[in-house]
C-alpha atoms as a PDB file:
ATOM      1  CA  LEU A   1     -17.698  -3.405 -22.046  1.00  0.00           C
ATOM      2  CA  ALA A   2     -18.959  -4.276 -18.667  1.00  0.00           C
ATOM      3  CA  VAL A   3     -19.365  -0.720 -17.849  1.00  0.00           C
ATOM      4  CA  ARG A   4     -21.406   0.510 -20.814  1.00  0.00           C
ATOM      5  CA  ALA A   5     -23.488  -2.882 -20.085  1.00  0.00           C
ATOM      6  CA  ASP A   6     -24.092  -2.033 -16.467  1.00  0.00           C
ATOM      7  CA  PRO A   7     -22.117   1.099 -14.931  1.00  0.00           C
ATOM      8  CA  ASN A   8     -22.801  -0.052 -11.834  1.00  0.00           C
ATOM      9  CA  VAL A   9     -21.084  -3.248 -11.938  1.00  0.00           C
ATOM     10  CA  ARG A  10     -18.861  -4.417  -9.468  1.00  0.00           C
ATOM     11  CA  ILE A  11     -15.101  -5.005 -10.795  1.00  0.00           C
ATOM     12  CA  PHE A  12     -12.463  -5.968  -8.854  1.00  0.00           C
ATOM     13  CA  SER A  13      -8.437  -6.712  -8.915  1.00  0.00           C
ATOM     14  CA  LEU A  14      -6.472  -9.035  -7.191  1.00  0.00           C
ATOM     15  CA  ASP A  15      -3.460  -7.030  -5.292  1.00  0.00           C
ATOM     16  CA  THR A  16      -1.111  -9.329  -4.416  1.00  0.00           C
ATOM     17  CA  GLY A  17       1.609  -7.317  -3.065  1.00  0.00           C
ATOM     18  CA  ARG A  18       3.877  -7.627  -5.984  1.00  0.00           C
ATOM     19  CA  LEU A  19       2.393  -5.941  -8.877  1.00  0.00           C
ATOM     20  CA  HIS A  20       4.547  -3.489 -10.906  1.00  0.00           C
ATOM     21  CA  GLN A  21       4.304  -0.138 -10.837  1.00  0.00           C
ATOM     22  CA  GLU A  22       2.754   0.309 -14.255  1.00  0.00           C
ATOM     23  CA  THR A  23      -0.410  -2.231 -13.205  1.00  0.00           C
ATOM     24  CA  TYR A  24      -0.876   0.335 -10.440  1.00  0.00           C
ATOM     25  CA  ASP A  25      -0.677   3.221 -12.722  1.00  0.00           C
ATOM     26  CA  THR A  26      -3.118   1.481 -15.245  1.00  0.00           C
ATOM     27  CA  ILE A  27      -5.809   0.859 -12.140  1.00  0.00           C
ATOM     28  CA  ALA A  28      -5.407   4.564 -11.743  1.00  0.00           C
ATOM     29  CA  ARG A  29      -6.218   5.952 -14.855  1.00  0.00           C
ATOM     30  CA  ALA A  30      -9.389   3.454 -15.580  1.00  0.00           C
ATOM     31  CA  ARG A  31     -10.727   4.360 -12.644  1.00  0.00           C
ATOM     32  CA  ALA A  32     -10.202   8.013 -13.935  1.00  0.00           C
ATOM     33  CA  HIS A  33     -11.228   7.532 -17.524  1.00  0.00           C
ATOM     34  CA  PHE A  34     -14.532   5.512 -16.773  1.00  0.00           C
ATOM     35  CA  GLY A  35     -15.408   6.901 -13.338  1.00  0.00           C
ATOM     36  CA  ILE A  36     -15.483   3.782 -11.592  1.00  0.00           C
ATOM     37  CA  ASP A  37     -14.296   2.170  -8.077  1.00  0.00           C
ATOM     38  CA  ILE A  38     -11.895  -0.773  -8.615  1.00  0.00           C
ATOM     39  CA  GLU A  39     -12.404  -2.944  -5.682  1.00  0.00           C
ATOM     40  CA  MET A  40      -8.476  -3.935  -4.760  1.00  0.00           C
ATOM     41  CA  VAL A  41      -8.540  -7.571  -3.138  1.00  0.00           C
ATOM     42  CA  PHE A  42      -5.248  -8.184  -0.883  1.00  0.00           C
ATOM     43  CA  PRO A  43      -3.747 -11.702   0.260  1.00  0.00           C
ATOM     44  CA  ASP A  44      -4.963 -12.309   3.952  1.00  0.00           C
ATOM     45  CA  PRO A  45      -2.472 -11.151   6.457  1.00  0.00           C
ATOM     46  CA  ALA A  46      -3.025 -14.449   8.599  1.00  0.00           C
ATOM     47  CA  ASP A  47      -2.049 -16.257   5.343  1.00  0.00           C
ATOM     48  CA  LEU A  48       0.450 -14.041   3.960  1.00  0.00           C
ATOM     49  CA  GLU A  49       2.641 -13.705   7.182  1.00  0.00           C
ATOM     50  CA  PRO A  50       3.869 -17.318   8.032  1.00  0.00           C
ATOM     51  CA  LEU A  51       4.821 -18.158   3.972  1.00  0.00           C
ATOM     52  CA  LEU A  52       6.907 -15.127   4.503  1.00  0.00           C
ATOM     53  CA  ARG A  53       8.109 -15.741   7.749  1.00  0.00           C
ATOM     54  CA  SER A  54       9.191 -19.456   6.616  1.00  0.00           C
ATOM     55  CA  ASP A  55      10.245 -18.814   2.633  1.00  0.00           C
ATOM     56  CA  GLY A  56      11.077 -14.742   3.201  1.00  0.00           C
ATOM     57  CA  PRO A  57       9.855 -12.347   0.495  1.00  0.00           C
ATOM     58  CA  ASN A  58      11.394 -13.813  -2.390  1.00  0.00           C
ATOM     59  CA  GLY A  59      11.203 -17.566  -1.370  1.00  0.00           C
ATOM     60  CA  PHE A  60       9.691 -18.736  -4.517  1.00  0.00           C
ATOM     61  CA  TYR A  61      12.653 -18.071  -6.625  1.00  0.00           C
ATOM     62  CA  ASP A  62      13.824 -21.302  -4.279  1.00  0.00           C
ATOM     63  CA  SER A  63      11.592 -24.025  -5.832  1.00  0.00           C
ATOM     64  CA  VAL A  64       8.103 -24.677  -8.118  1.00  0.00           C
ATOM     65  CA  ASP A  65       6.621 -25.726  -4.924  1.00  0.00           C
ATOM     66  CA  LYS A  66       7.921 -22.480  -3.391  1.00  0.00           C
ATOM     67  CA  ARG A  67       6.031 -20.395  -5.973  1.00  0.00           C
ATOM     68  CA  ARG A  68       3.086 -22.389  -5.815  1.00  0.00           C
ATOM     69  CA  ALA A  69       2.557 -22.088  -2.545  1.00  0.00           C
ATOM     70  CA  CYS A  70       3.316 -17.691  -3.278  1.00  0.00           C
ATOM     71  CA  CYS A  71       0.441 -17.960  -5.919  1.00  0.00           C
ATOM     72  CA  ARG A  72      -2.085 -19.853  -3.662  1.00  0.00           C
ATOM     73  CA  VAL A  73      -1.273 -17.342  -0.863  1.00  0.00           C
ATOM     74  CA  ARG A  74      -1.492 -13.594  -3.344  1.00  0.00           C
ATOM     75  CA  LYS A  75      -3.778 -14.961  -5.310  1.00  0.00           C
ATOM     76  CA  VAL A  76      -5.998 -18.151  -5.147  1.00  0.00           C
ATOM     77  CA  LEU A  77      -7.208 -17.560  -1.810  1.00  0.00           C
ATOM     78  CA  PRO A  78      -8.092 -14.207  -2.461  1.00  0.00           C
ATOM     79  CA  LEU A  79      -9.859 -14.500  -5.467  1.00  0.00           C
ATOM     80  CA  LYS A  80     -11.774 -17.707  -3.584  1.00  0.00           C
ATOM     81  CA  ARG A  81     -12.645 -15.006  -0.695  1.00  0.00           C
ATOM     82  CA  VAL A  82     -13.911 -12.328  -3.217  1.00  0.00           C
ATOM     83  CA  LEU A  83     -15.988 -15.058  -5.004  1.00  0.00           C
ATOM     84  CA  LYS A  84     -18.012 -16.027  -2.176  1.00  0.00           C
ATOM     85  CA  THR A  85     -19.661 -12.739  -2.540  1.00  0.00           C
ATOM     86  CA  ALA A  86     -20.253 -13.326  -5.638  1.00  0.00           C
ATOM     87  CA  SER A  87     -23.398 -15.288  -8.203  1.00  0.00           C
ATOM     88  CA  ALA A  88     -21.163 -14.203 -11.019  1.00  0.00           C
ATOM     89  CA  TRP A  89     -18.393 -13.421 -12.468  1.00  0.00           C
ATOM     90  CA  ALA A  90     -16.690 -12.602 -16.003  1.00  0.00           C
ATOM     91  CA  THR A  91     -12.866 -13.025 -16.940  1.00  0.00           C
ATOM     92  CA  GLY A  92     -11.081 -11.802 -19.933  1.00  0.00           C
ATOM     93  CA  MET A  93      -9.614 -15.470 -20.637  1.00  0.00           C
ATOM     94  CA  ARG A  94      -9.938 -15.864 -24.563  1.00  0.00           C
ATOM     95  CA  ARG A  95      -9.371 -18.765 -26.429  1.00  0.00           C
ATOM     96  CA  ASP A  96      -6.180 -17.850 -28.518  1.00  0.00           C
ATOM     97  CA  GLN A  97      -3.547 -17.271 -25.017  1.00  0.00           C
ATOM     98  CA  ASN A  98      -2.552 -21.003 -24.983  1.00  0.00           C
ATOM     99  CA  VAL A  99      -3.500 -24.367 -25.781  1.00  0.00           C
ATOM    100  CA  THR A 100      -4.891 -24.596 -22.106  1.00  0.00           C
ATOM    101  CA  ARG A 101      -7.883 -22.196 -23.147  1.00  0.00           C
ATOM    102  CA  SER A 102      -8.212 -23.344 -26.448  1.00  0.00           C
ATOM    103  CA  SER A 103     -11.833 -24.502 -25.880  1.00  0.00           C
ATOM    104  CA  ILE A 104     -13.010 -22.501 -22.875  1.00  0.00           C
ATOM    105  CA  ALA A 105     -16.820 -21.717 -22.998  1.00  0.00           C
ATOM    106  CA  LYS A 106     -18.302 -18.309 -23.155  1.00  0.00           C
ATOM    107  CA  VAL A 107     -20.295 -19.631 -20.540  1.00  0.00           C
ATOM    108  CA  GLU A 108     -19.780 -22.400 -17.542  1.00  0.00           C
ATOM    109  CA  LEU A 109     -19.940 -23.087 -13.973  1.00  0.00           C
ATOM    110  CA  ASP A 110     -16.907 -22.388 -12.179  1.00  0.00           C
ATOM    111  CA  PHE A 111     -16.710 -25.873  -9.677  1.00  0.00           C
ATOM    112  CA  GLY A 112     -14.150 -24.402  -7.958  1.00  0.00           C
ATOM    113  CA  ASN A 113     -15.700 -21.190  -6.642  1.00  0.00           C
ATOM    114  CA  GLY A 114     -18.889 -23.079  -5.444  1.00  0.00           C
ATOM    115  CA  GLN A 115     -20.564 -23.714  -9.082  1.00  0.00           C
ATOM    116  CA  ILE A 116     -20.948 -19.786  -9.717  1.00  0.00           C
ATOM    117  CA  LEU A 117     -21.469 -19.281 -13.036  1.00  0.00           C
ATOM    118  CA  LYS A 118     -18.383 -18.086 -14.960  1.00  0.00           C
ATOM    119  CA  LEU A 119     -17.897 -15.669 -18.229  1.00  0.00           C
ATOM    120  CA  ASN A 120     -15.731 -15.594 -20.431  1.00  0.00           C
ATOM    121  CA  PRO A 121     -17.285 -13.148 -22.899  1.00  0.00           C
ATOM    122  CA  LEU A 122     -13.999 -12.424 -24.777  1.00  0.00           C
ATOM    123  CA  ALA A 123     -12.749 -16.176 -25.408  1.00  0.00           C
ATOM    124  CA  ASP A 124     -13.863 -16.092 -29.255  1.00  0.00           C
ATOM    125  CA  TRP A 125     -11.789 -12.527 -29.577  1.00  0.00           C
ATOM    126  CA  THR A 126      -8.270 -12.481 -31.227  1.00  0.00           C
ATOM    127  CA  SER A 127      -5.372 -10.801 -29.817  1.00  0.00           C
ATOM    128  CA  GLU A 128      -6.056  -8.422 -33.087  1.00  0.00           C
ATOM    129  CA  GLN A 129      -9.747  -7.079 -32.350  1.00  0.00           C
ATOM    130  CA  ILE A 130      -8.403  -6.833 -28.232  1.00  0.00           C
ATOM    131  CA  TRP A 131      -6.338  -4.355 -29.624  1.00  0.00           C
ATOM    132  CA  GLY A 132      -8.397  -2.878 -32.214  1.00  0.00           C
ATOM    133  CA  TYR A 133     -10.685  -2.026 -29.629  1.00  0.00           C
ATOM    134  CA  VAL A 134      -8.603  -1.206 -27.434  1.00  0.00           C
ATOM    135  CA  ARG A 135      -7.268   1.644 -29.878  1.00  0.00           C
ATOM    136  CA  ASP A 136     -10.723   2.571 -31.535  1.00  0.00           C
ATOM    137  CA  HIS A 137     -11.927   3.353 -28.040  1.00  0.00           C
ATOM    138  CA  GLU A 138      -8.847   4.916 -26.861  1.00  0.00           C
ATOM    139  CA  LEU A 139      -9.218   2.730 -23.290  1.00  0.00           C
ATOM    140  CA  PRO A 140      -6.016   2.823 -20.769  1.00  0.00           C
ATOM    141  CA  TYR A 141      -3.950  -0.388 -21.004  1.00  0.00           C
ATOM    142  CA  ASN A 142      -0.596  -0.782 -18.968  1.00  0.00           C
ATOM    143  CA  PRO A 143       2.238   0.110 -21.040  1.00  0.00           C
ATOM    144  CA  LEU A 144       4.446  -2.928 -20.362  1.00  0.00           C
ATOM    145  CA  HIS A 145       2.189  -4.764 -23.070  1.00  0.00           C
ATOM    146  CA  ASP A 146       4.086  -2.182 -25.412  1.00  0.00           C
ATOM    147  CA  ARG A 147       6.992  -3.756 -23.749  1.00  0.00           C
ATOM    148  CA  ARG A 148       6.194  -7.420 -24.871  1.00  0.00           C
ATOM    149  CA  PHE A 149       4.970  -8.369 -21.997  1.00  0.00           C
ATOM    150  CA  LEU A 150       1.581 -10.360 -22.896  1.00  0.00           C
ATOM    151  CA  SER A 151       0.708 -11.689 -19.684  1.00  0.00           C
ATOM    152  CA  ILE A 152       0.893  -8.947 -16.997  1.00  0.00           C
ATOM    153  CA  GLY A 153       0.803 -11.001 -13.378  1.00  0.00           C
ATOM    154  CA  CYS A 154       3.151 -10.250 -10.556  1.00  0.00           C
ATOM    155  CA  ALA A 155       6.374  -8.309 -10.769  1.00  0.00           C
ATOM    156  CA  PRO A 156       8.965 -11.008  -9.995  1.00  0.00           C
ATOM    157  CA  CYS A 157       6.911 -13.479 -11.791  1.00  0.00           C
ATOM    158  CA  THR A 158       6.407 -11.771 -15.427  1.00  0.00           C
ATOM    159  CA  ARG A 159       8.186 -11.194 -18.446  1.00  0.00           C
ATOM    160  CA  ALA A 160       8.578 -10.354 -21.869  1.00  0.00           C
ATOM    161  CA  VAL A 161       7.235 -12.765 -24.352  1.00  0.00           C
ATOM    162  CA  GLY A 162      10.018 -13.550 -27.170  1.00  0.00           C
ATOM    163  CA  PRO A 163       9.097 -14.023 -30.994  1.00  0.00           C
ATOM    164  CA  GLY A 164       7.304 -17.351 -31.409  1.00  0.00           C
ATOM    165  CA  GLU A 165       6.725 -17.692 -27.571  1.00  0.00           C
ATOM    166  CA  ASP A 166       3.254 -18.916 -26.259  1.00  0.00           C
ATOM    167  CA  GLU A 167       1.244 -15.801 -24.995  1.00  0.00           C
ATOM    168  CA  ARG A 168       1.113 -17.441 -20.894  1.00  0.00           C
END
């Protein structure tokens, strides 16, 4: 939808260094399918190296605090860094994903990132509408979805969702 609205839209993805191979393959397919660049945003080595020295590569398994520290270094700080270069950004967040997202607005100010404009254009779409759009337009998607991975992030922290479980 973004590429259709503006073929020169800036698209980025956070590469935490711990993504599933299927995610990297999907990024490659999307680049080819849409003929676009997808800017990869990485953790700052100055933040990552001390974390890895103190906790090791799998320290996030040790405690909730260490998991949060890992997410901060690999996702939160890189996102903040890239959003400093933007006046607005769009997400794929939807109200039906879980109770914490049930009241997200389609347009809001992102107070955590310099009060830039945050767009949630799919806020009122359902999962069924998303998948209908993907099928109707033959869009590339992550094959992990076919294995009940409904929300896909880092490989160590992402798992398939069981029947009746919350999507996130």
